[in-house]
Amino acid sequence: MSSMMKAAVFVEPGRIEIVDKRIPDVGPNDALMRITTTTICGTDVHILKGEYPVAKGLTIGHEPVGVVEKLGSAVQGYK
């Protein structure tokens, strides 16, 4: 598995960029997903327009579909 991923990052109102980011480590309560399909939602549009304040550099997008790649050691109930 690569150590990098592509991410849509908020730069400033009216501008996002697709950048390479390091894949985060999986903590004991985390799940790592390989995203296969994604889309944007209304919140992302408001962020892009500057109507919803977020920090520059924030990875946006929270409408993913994917495959679980790795589970943290304390994750239970997933089969």
PDB file of N, CA and C in Angstrom:
ATOM      1  N   MET A   1       0.849  -1.178   0.000  1.00  0.00           N
ATOM      2  CA  MET A   1       0.000   0.000   0.000  1.00  0.00           C
ATOM      3  C   MET A   1       0.892   1.238   0.000  1.00  0.00           C
ATOM      4  N   SER A   2       0.516   2.224  -0.784  1.00  0.00           N
ATOM      5  CA  SER A   2       1.249   3.482  -0.854  1.00  0.00           C
ATOM      6  C   SER A   2       1.130   4.228   0.474  1.00  0.00           C
ATOM      7  N   SER A   3       2.070   5.107   0.749  1.00  0.00           N
ATOM      8  CA  SER A   3       2.004   5.896   1.975  1.00  0.00           C
ATOM      9  C   SER A   3       1.342   7.254   1.739  1.00  0.00           C
ATOM     10  N   MET A   4       0.913   7.510   0.486  1.00  0.00           N
ATOM     11  CA  MET A   4       0.300   8.792   0.141  1.00  0.00           C
ATOM     12  C   MET A   4      -1.103   8.581  -0.424  1.00  0.00           C
ATOM     13  N   MET A   5      -1.914   9.623  -0.320  1.00  0.00           N
ATOM     14  CA  MET A   5      -3.274   9.604  -0.866  1.00  0.00           C
ATOM     15  C   MET A   5      -3.558  10.965  -1.483  1.00  0.00           C
ATOM     16  N   LYS A   6      -4.563  11.040  -2.320  1.00  0.00           N
ATOM     17  CA  LYS A   6      -5.037  12.304  -2.880  1.00  0.00           C
ATOM     18  C   LYS A   6      -6.122  12.851  -1.963  1.00  0.00           C
ATOM     19  N   ALA A   7      -6.146  14.165  -1.794  1.00  0.00           N
ATOM     20  CA  ALA A   7      -7.146  14.792  -0.936  1.00  0.00           C
ATOM     21  C   ALA A   7      -7.558  16.139  -1.519  1.00  0.00           C
ATOM     22  N   ALA A   8      -8.842  16.459  -1.405  1.00  0.00           N
ATOM     23  CA  ALA A   8      -9.354  17.779  -1.777  1.00  0.00           C
ATOM     24  C   ALA A   8      -9.162  18.681  -0.560  1.00  0.00           C
ATOM     25  N   VAL A   9      -8.386  19.739  -0.728  1.00  0.00           N
ATOM     26  CA  VAL A   9      -8.012  20.607   0.388  1.00  0.00           C
ATOM     27  C   VAL A   9      -8.508  22.025   0.139  1.00  0.00           C
ATOM     28  N   PHE A  10      -9.132  22.611   1.162  1.00  0.00           N
ATOM     29  CA  PHE A  10      -9.589  24.004   1.096  1.00  0.00           C
ATOM     30  C   PHE A  10      -8.375  24.918   1.148  1.00  0.00           C
ATOM     31  N   VAL A  11      -8.254  25.801   0.156  1.00  0.00           N
ATOM     32  CA  VAL A  11      -7.139  26.749   0.100  1.00  0.00           C
ATOM     33  C   VAL A  11      -7.612  28.128   0.538  1.00  0.00           C
ATOM     34  N   GLU A  12      -8.723  28.588  -0.054  1.00  0.00           N
ATOM     35  CA  GLU A  12      -9.323  29.876   0.266  1.00  0.00           C
ATOM     36  C   GLU A  12     -10.710  29.876  -0.365  1.00  0.00           C
ATOM     37  N   PRO A  13     -11.563  30.807   0.022  1.00  0.00           N
ATOM     38  CA  PRO A  13     -12.886  30.837  -0.616  1.00  0.00           C
ATOM     39  C   PRO A  13     -12.765  30.843  -2.138  1.00  0.00           C
ATOM     40  N   GLY A  14     -13.497  29.939  -2.771  1.00  0.00           N
ATOM     41  CA  GLY A  14     -13.473  29.820  -4.214  1.00  0.00           C
ATOM     42  C   GLY A  14     -12.384  28.924  -4.763  1.00  0.00           C
ATOM     43  N   ARG A  15     -11.589  28.319  -3.861  1.00  0.00           N
ATOM     44  CA  ARG A  15     -10.464  27.521  -4.362  1.00  0.00           C
ATOM     45  C   ARG A  15     -10.195  26.298  -3.481  1.00  0.00           C
ATOM     46  N   ILE A  16     -10.233  25.137  -4.107  1.00  0.00           N
ATOM     47  CA  ILE A  16      -9.741  23.915  -3.490  1.00  0.00           C
ATOM     48  C   ILE A  16      -8.693  23.330  -4.427  1.00  0.00           C
ATOM     49  N   GLU A  17      -7.824  22.505  -3.878  1.00  0.00           N
ATOM     50  CA  GLU A  17      -6.802  21.847  -4.676  1.00  0.00           C
ATOM     51  C   GLU A  17      -6.778  20.372  -4.318  1.00  0.00           C
ATOM     52  N   ILE A  18      -6.429  19.558  -5.291  1.00  0.00           N
ATOM     53  CA  ILE A  18      -6.188  18.140  -5.045  1.00  0.00           C
ATOM     54  C   ILE A  18      -4.696  18.003  -4.772  1.00  0.00           C
ATOM     55  N   VAL A  19      -4.363  17.525  -3.583  1.00  0.00           N
ATOM     56  CA  VAL A  19      -2.963  17.439  -3.161  1.00  0.00           C
ATOM     57  C   VAL A  19      -2.658  16.028  -2.667  1.00  0.00           C
ATOM     58  N   ASP A  20      -1.377  15.715  -2.607  1.00  0.00           N
ATOM     59  CA  ASP A  20      -0.928  14.467  -2.000  1.00  0.00           C
ATOM     60  C   ASP A  20      -0.775  14.690  -0.504  1.00  0.00           C
ATOM     61  N   LYS A  21      -1.364  13.793   0.277  1.00  0.00           N
ATOM     62  CA  LYS A  21      -1.230  13.828   1.737  1.00  0.00           C
ATOM     63  C   LYS A  21      -0.812  12.447   2.209  1.00  0.00           C
ATOM     64  N   ARG A  22      -0.121  12.418   3.309  1.00  0.00           N
ATOM     65  CA  ARG A  22       0.285  11.149   3.903  1.00  0.00           C
ATOM     66  C   ARG A  22      -0.952  10.435   4.440  1.00  0.00           C
ATOM     67  N   ILE A  23      -1.038   9.143   4.211  1.00  0.00           N
ATOM     68  CA  ILE A  23      -2.131   8.347   4.764  1.00  0.00           C
ATOM     69  C   ILE A  23      -1.961   8.322   6.277  1.00  0.00           C
ATOM     70  N   PRO A  24      -3.029   8.645   7.019  1.00  0.00           N
ATOM     71  CA  PRO A  24      -2.889   8.708   8.478  1.00  0.00           C
ATOM     72  C   PRO A  24      -2.670   7.331   9.096  1.00  0.00           C
ATOM     73  N   ASP A  25      -2.000   7.330  10.236  1.00  0.00           N
ATOM     74  CA  ASP A  25      -1.839   6.098  10.998  1.00  0.00           C
ATOM     75  C   ASP A  25      -3.191   5.680  11.550  1.00  0.00           C
ATOM     76  N   VAL A  26      -3.377   4.404  11.765  1.00  0.00           N
ATOM     77  CA  VAL A  26      -4.619   3.874  12.319  1.00  0.00           C
ATOM     78  C   VAL A  26      -4.418   3.685  13.817  1.00  0.00           C
ATOM     79  N   GLY A  27      -5.189   4.451  14.603  1.00  0.00           N
ATOM     80  CA  GLY A  27      -5.161   4.297  16.050  1.00  0.00           C
ATOM     81  C   GLY A  27      -6.008   3.111  16.474  1.00  0.00           C
ATOM     82  N   PRO A  28      -6.022   2.791  17.763  1.00  0.00           N
ATOM     83  CA  PRO A  28      -6.728   1.600  18.236  1.00  0.00           C
ATOM     84  C   PRO A  28      -8.233   1.613  17.965  1.00  0.00           C
ATOM     85  N   ASN A  29      -8.847   2.783  17.869  1.00  0.00           N
ATOM     86  CA  ASN A  29     -10.296   2.883  17.649  1.00  0.00           C
ATOM     87  C   ASN A  29     -10.658   3.333  16.238  1.00  0.00           C
ATOM     88  N   ASP A  30      -9.703   3.302  15.332  1.00  0.00           N
ATOM     89  CA  ASP A  30      -9.892   3.834  13.979  1.00  0.00           C
ATOM     90  C   ASP A  30     -10.104   2.732  12.940  1.00  0.00           C
ATOM     91  N   ALA A  31     -10.633   3.167  11.803  1.00  0.00           N
ATOM     92  CA  ALA A  31     -10.707   2.325  10.616  1.00  0.00           C
ATOM     93  C   ALA A  31     -10.142   3.138   9.461  1.00  0.00           C
ATOM     94  N   LEU A  32      -9.365   2.501   8.625  1.00  0.00           N
ATOM     95  CA  LEU A  32      -8.803   3.144   7.436  1.00  0.00           C
ATOM     96  C   LEU A  32      -9.559   2.619   6.231  1.00  0.00           C
ATOM     97  N   MET A  33     -10.110   3.539   5.431  1.00  0.00           N
ATOM     98  CA  MET A  33     -10.855   3.159   4.234  1.00  0.00           C
ATOM     99  C   MET A  33     -10.106   3.576   2.980  1.00  0.00           C
ATOM    100  N   ARG A  34     -10.149   2.731   1.977  1.00  0.00           N
ATOM    101  CA  ARG A  34      -9.685   3.102   0.638  1.00  0.00           C
ATOM    102  C   ARG A  34     -10.924   3.581  -0.103  1.00  0.00           C
ATOM    103  N   ILE A  35     -10.956   4.857  -0.426  1.00  0.00           N
ATOM    104  CA  ILE A  35     -12.132   5.459  -1.050  1.00  0.00           C
ATOM    105  C   ILE A  35     -12.173   5.066  -2.523  1.00  0.00           C
ATOM    106  N   THR A  36     -13.321   4.553  -2.954  1.00  0.00           N
ATOM    107  CA  THR A  36     -13.493   4.158  -4.345  1.00  0.00           C
ATOM    108  C   THR A  36     -14.375   5.134  -5.112  1.00  0.00           C
ATOM    109  N   THR A  37     -15.274   5.794  -4.416  1.00  0.00           N
ATOM    110  CA  THR A  37     -16.186   6.768  -5.022  1.00  0.00           C
ATOM    111  C   THR A  37     -16.516   7.813  -3.970  1.00  0.00           C
ATOM    112  N   THR A  38     -16.657   9.043  -4.398  1.00  0.00           N
ATOM    113  CA  THR A  38     -17.058  10.079  -3.453  1.00  0.00           C
ATOM    114  C   THR A  38     -17.803  11.173  -4.192  1.00  0.00           C
ATOM    115  N   THR A  39     -18.439  12.030  -3.442  1.00  0.00           N
ATOM    116  CA  THR A  39     -19.139  13.177  -4.005  1.00  0.00           C
ATOM    117  C   THR A  39     -19.057  14.326  -3.006  1.00  0.00           C
ATOM    118  N   ILE A  40     -19.591  15.445  -3.362  1.00  0.00           N
ATOM    119  CA  ILE A  40     -19.624  16.582  -2.459  1.00  0.00           C
ATOM    120  C   ILE A  40     -21.040  16.744  -1.932  1.00  0.00           C
ATOM    121  N   CYS A  41     -21.183  17.502  -0.881  1.00  0.00           N
ATOM    122  CA  CYS A  41     -22.517  17.781  -0.350  1.00  0.00           C
ATOM    123  C   CYS A  41     -22.644  19.291  -0.154  1.00  0.00           C
ATOM    124  N   GLY A  42     -23.776  19.710   0.332  1.00  0.00           N
ATOM    125  CA  GLY A  42     -24.034  21.135   0.529  1.00  0.00           C
ATOM    126  C   GLY A  42     -23.014  21.810   1.425  1.00  0.00           C
ATOM    127  N   THR A  43     -22.568  21.121   2.473  1.00  0.00           N
ATOM    128  CA  THR A  43     -21.563  21.706   3.367  1.00  0.00           C
ATOM    129  C   THR A  43     -20.287  22.018   2.602  1.00  0.00           C
ATOM    130  N   ASP A  44     -19.859  21.118   1.737  1.00  0.00           N
ATOM    131  CA  ASP A  44     -18.650  21.359   0.944  1.00  0.00           C
ATOM    132  C   ASP A  44     -18.809  22.586   0.054  1.00  0.00           C
ATOM    133  N   VAL A  45     -19.986  22.758  -0.531  1.00  0.00           N
ATOM    134  CA  VAL A  45     -20.250  23.930  -1.380  1.00  0.00           C
ATOM    135  C   VAL A  45     -20.174  25.201  -0.542  1.00  0.00           C
ATOM    136  N   HIS A  46     -20.753  25.185   0.668  1.00  0.00           N
ATOM    137  CA  HIS A  46     -20.691  26.360   1.547  1.00  0.00           C
ATOM    138  C   HIS A  46     -19.256  26.671   1.971  1.00  0.00           C
ATOM    139  N   ILE A  47     -18.466  25.623   2.215  1.00  0.00           N
ATOM    140  CA  ILE A  47     -17.048  25.827   2.535  1.00  0.00           C
ATOM    141  C   ILE A  47     -16.345  26.491   1.364  1.00  0.00           C
ATOM    142  N   LEU A  48     -16.555  25.968   0.164  1.00  0.00           N
ATOM    143  CA  LEU A  48     -15.918  26.524  -1.028  1.00  0.00           C
ATOM    144  C   LEU A  48     -16.297  27.984  -1.236  1.00  0.00           C
ATOM    145  N   LYS A  49     -17.548  28.329  -0.991  1.00  0.00           N
ATOM    146  CA  LYS A  49     -18.018  29.708  -1.166  1.00  0.00           C
ATOM    147  C   LYS A  49     -17.562  30.636  -0.044  1.00  0.00           C
ATOM    148  N   GLY A  50     -16.969  30.085   1.013  1.00  0.00           N
ATOM    149  CA  GLY A  50     -16.545  30.905   2.146  1.00  0.00           C
ATOM    150  C   GLY A  50     -17.676  31.208   3.104  1.00  0.00           C
ATOM    151  N   GLU A  51     -18.792  30.523   2.970  1.00  0.00           N
ATOM    152  CA  GLU A  51     -19.966  30.763   3.821  1.00  0.00           C
ATOM    153  C   GLU A  51     -19.917  29.965   5.119  1.00  0.00           C
ATOM    154  N   TYR A  52     -19.051  28.990   5.172  1.00  0.00           N
ATOM    155  CA  TYR A  52     -18.881  28.155   6.363  1.00  0.00           C
ATOM    156  C   TYR A  52     -17.402  28.186   6.690  1.00  0.00           C
ATOM    157  N   PRO A  53     -17.030  28.877   7.758  1.00  0.00           N
ATOM    158  CA  PRO A  53     -15.599  29.087   8.011  1.00  0.00           C
ATOM    159  C   PRO A  53     -14.877  27.816   8.458  1.00  0.00           C
ATOM    160  N   VAL A  54     -13.794  27.520   7.758  1.00  0.00           N
ATOM    161  CA  VAL A  54     -12.915  26.410   8.129  1.00  0.00           C
ATOM    162  C   VAL A  54     -11.468  26.871   7.975  1.00  0.00           C
ATOM    163  N   ALA A  55     -10.575  26.133   8.593  1.00  0.00           N
ATOM    164  CA  ALA A  55      -9.152  26.461   8.507  1.00  0.00           C
ATOM    165  C   ALA A  55      -8.613  26.121   7.125  1.00  0.00           C
ATOM    166  N   LYS A  56      -7.733  26.971   6.618  1.00  0.00           N
ATOM    167  CA  LYS A  56      -7.054  26.665   5.359  1.00  0.00           C
ATOM    168  C   LYS A  56      -6.274  25.372   5.537  1.00  0.00           C
ATOM    169  N   GLY A  57      -6.294  24.535   4.506  1.00  0.00           N
ATOM    170  CA  GLY A  57      -5.605  23.253   4.569  1.00  0.00           C
ATOM    171  C   GLY A  57      -6.490  22.103   5.006  1.00  0.00           C
ATOM    172  N   LEU A  58      -7.752  22.389   5.369  1.00  0.00           N
ATOM    173  CA  LEU A  58      -8.672  21.335   5.783  1.00  0.00           C
ATOM    174  C   LEU A  58      -8.989  20.414   4.613  1.00  0.00           C
ATOM    175  N   THR A  59      -8.918  19.113   4.837  1.00  0.00           N
ATOM    176  CA  THR A  59      -9.365  18.152   3.832  1.00  0.00           C
ATOM    177  C   THR A  59     -10.887  18.139   3.879  1.00  0.00           C
ATOM    178  N   ILE A  60     -11.510  18.452   2.744  1.00  0.00           N
ATOM    179  CA  ILE A  60     -12.971  18.497   2.720  1.00  0.00           C
ATOM    180  C   ILE A  60     -13.519  17.249   2.042  1.00  0.00           C
ATOM    181  N   GLY A  61     -14.821  17.069   2.185  1.00  0.00           N
ATOM    182  CA  GLY A  61     -15.497  15.919   1.607  1.00  0.00           C
ATOM    183  C   GLY A  61     -15.759  14.869   2.662  1.00  0.00           C
ATOM    184  N   HIS A  62     -17.001  14.493   2.792  1.00  0.00           N
ATOM    185  CA  HIS A  62     -17.355  13.473   3.789  1.00  0.00           C
ATOM    186  C   HIS A  62     -18.522  12.608   3.297  1.00  0.00           C
ATOM    187  N   GLU A  63     -18.520  12.344   2.002  1.00  0.00           N
ATOM    188  CA  GLU A  63     -19.554  11.504   1.388  1.00  0.00           C
ATOM    189  C   GLU A  63     -18.893  10.340   0.641  1.00  0.00           C
ATOM    190  N   PRO A  64     -18.026   9.568   1.330  1.00  0.00           N
ATOM    191  CA  PRO A  64     -17.283   8.533   0.621  1.00  0.00           C
ATOM    192  C   PRO A  64     -17.972   7.170   0.594  1.00  0.00           C
ATOM    193  N   VAL A  65     -17.556   6.369  -0.359  1.00  0.00           N
ATOM    194  CA  VAL A  65     -17.861   4.943  -0.430  1.00  0.00           C
ATOM    195  C   VAL A  65     -16.513   4.267  -0.603  1.00  0.00           C
ATOM    196  N   GLY A  66     -16.286   3.189   0.114  1.00  0.00           N
ATOM    197  CA  GLY A  66     -14.989   2.558  -0.021  1.00  0.00           C
ATOM    198  C   GLY A  66     -14.911   1.190   0.597  1.00  0.00           C
ATOM    199  N   VAL A  67     -13.678   0.748   0.753  1.00  0.00           N
ATOM    200  CA  VAL A  67     -13.367  -0.570   1.272  1.00  0.00           C
ATOM    201  C   VAL A  67     -12.528  -0.397   2.533  1.00  0.00           C
ATOM    202  N   VAL A  68     -12.873  -1.106   3.581  1.00  0.00           N
ATOM    203  CA  VAL A  68     -12.076  -1.056   4.808  1.00  0.00           C
ATOM    204  C   VAL A  68     -10.746  -1.748   4.530  1.00  0.00           C
ATOM    205  N   GLU A  69      -9.667  -1.006   4.730  1.00  0.00           N
ATOM    206  CA  GLU A  69      -8.321  -1.523   4.482  1.00  0.00           C
ATOM    207  C   GLU A  69      -7.669  -2.042   5.758  1.00  0.00           C
ATOM    208  N   LYS A  70      -7.963  -1.364   6.885  1.00  0.00           N
ATOM    209  CA  LYS A  70      -7.281  -1.719   8.121  1.00  0.00           C
ATOM    210  C   LYS A  70      -8.140  -1.274   9.296  1.00  0.00           C
ATOM    211  N   LEU A  71      -8.174  -2.102  10.338  1.00  0.00           N
ATOM    212  CA  LEU A  71      -8.901  -1.777  11.558  1.00  0.00           C
ATOM    213  C   LEU A  71      -7.927  -1.653  12.718  1.00  0.00           C
ATOM    214  N   GLY A  72      -8.237  -0.695  13.606  1.00  0.00           N
ATOM    215  CA  GLY A  72      -7.443  -0.555  14.823  1.00  0.00           C
ATOM    216  C   GLY A  72      -7.628  -1.741  15.743  1.00  0.00           C
ATOM    217  N   SER A  73      -6.692  -1.914  16.656  1.00  0.00           N
ATOM    218  CA  SER A  73      -6.680  -3.083  17.525  1.00  0.00           C
ATOM    219  C   SER A  73      -7.884  -3.174  18.456  1.00  0.00           C
ATOM    220  N   ALA A  74      -8.544  -2.054  18.778  1.00  0.00           N
ATOM    221  CA  ALA A  74      -9.677  -2.071  19.709  1.00  0.00           C
ATOM    222  C   ALA A  74     -11.030  -2.059  19.010  1.00  0.00           C
ATOM    223  N   VAL A  75     -11.057  -2.040  17.680  1.00  0.00           N
ATOM    224  CA  VAL A  75     -12.333  -2.020  16.954  1.00  0.00           C
ATOM    225  C   VAL A  75     -13.006  -3.377  17.122  1.00  0.00           C
ATOM    226  N   GLN A  76     -14.288  -3.328  17.523  1.00  0.00           N
ATOM    227  CA  GLN A  76     -15.050  -4.552  17.728  1.00  0.00           C
ATOM    228  C   GLN A  76     -16.345  -4.497  16.948  1.00  0.00           C
ATOM    229  N   GLY A  77     -16.901  -5.657  16.648  1.00  0.00           N
ATOM    230  CA  GLY A  77     -18.218  -5.731  16.031  1.00  0.00           C
ATOM    231  C   GLY A  77     -18.238  -5.554  14.533  1.00  0.00           C
ATOM    232  N   TYR A  78     -17.093  -5.566  13.891  1.00  0.00           N
ATOM    233  CA  TYR A  78     -17.042  -5.440  12.442  1.00  0.00           C
ATOM    234  C   TYR A  78     -16.603  -6.770  11.859  1.00  0.00           C
ATOM    235  N   LYS A  79     -17.366  -7.266  10.924  1.00  0.00           N
ATOM    236  CA  LYS A  79     -16.997  -8.548  10.291  1.00  0.00           C
ATOM    237  C   LYS A  79     -17.084  -8.426   8.808  1.00  0.00           C
TER     238      LYS A  79
END
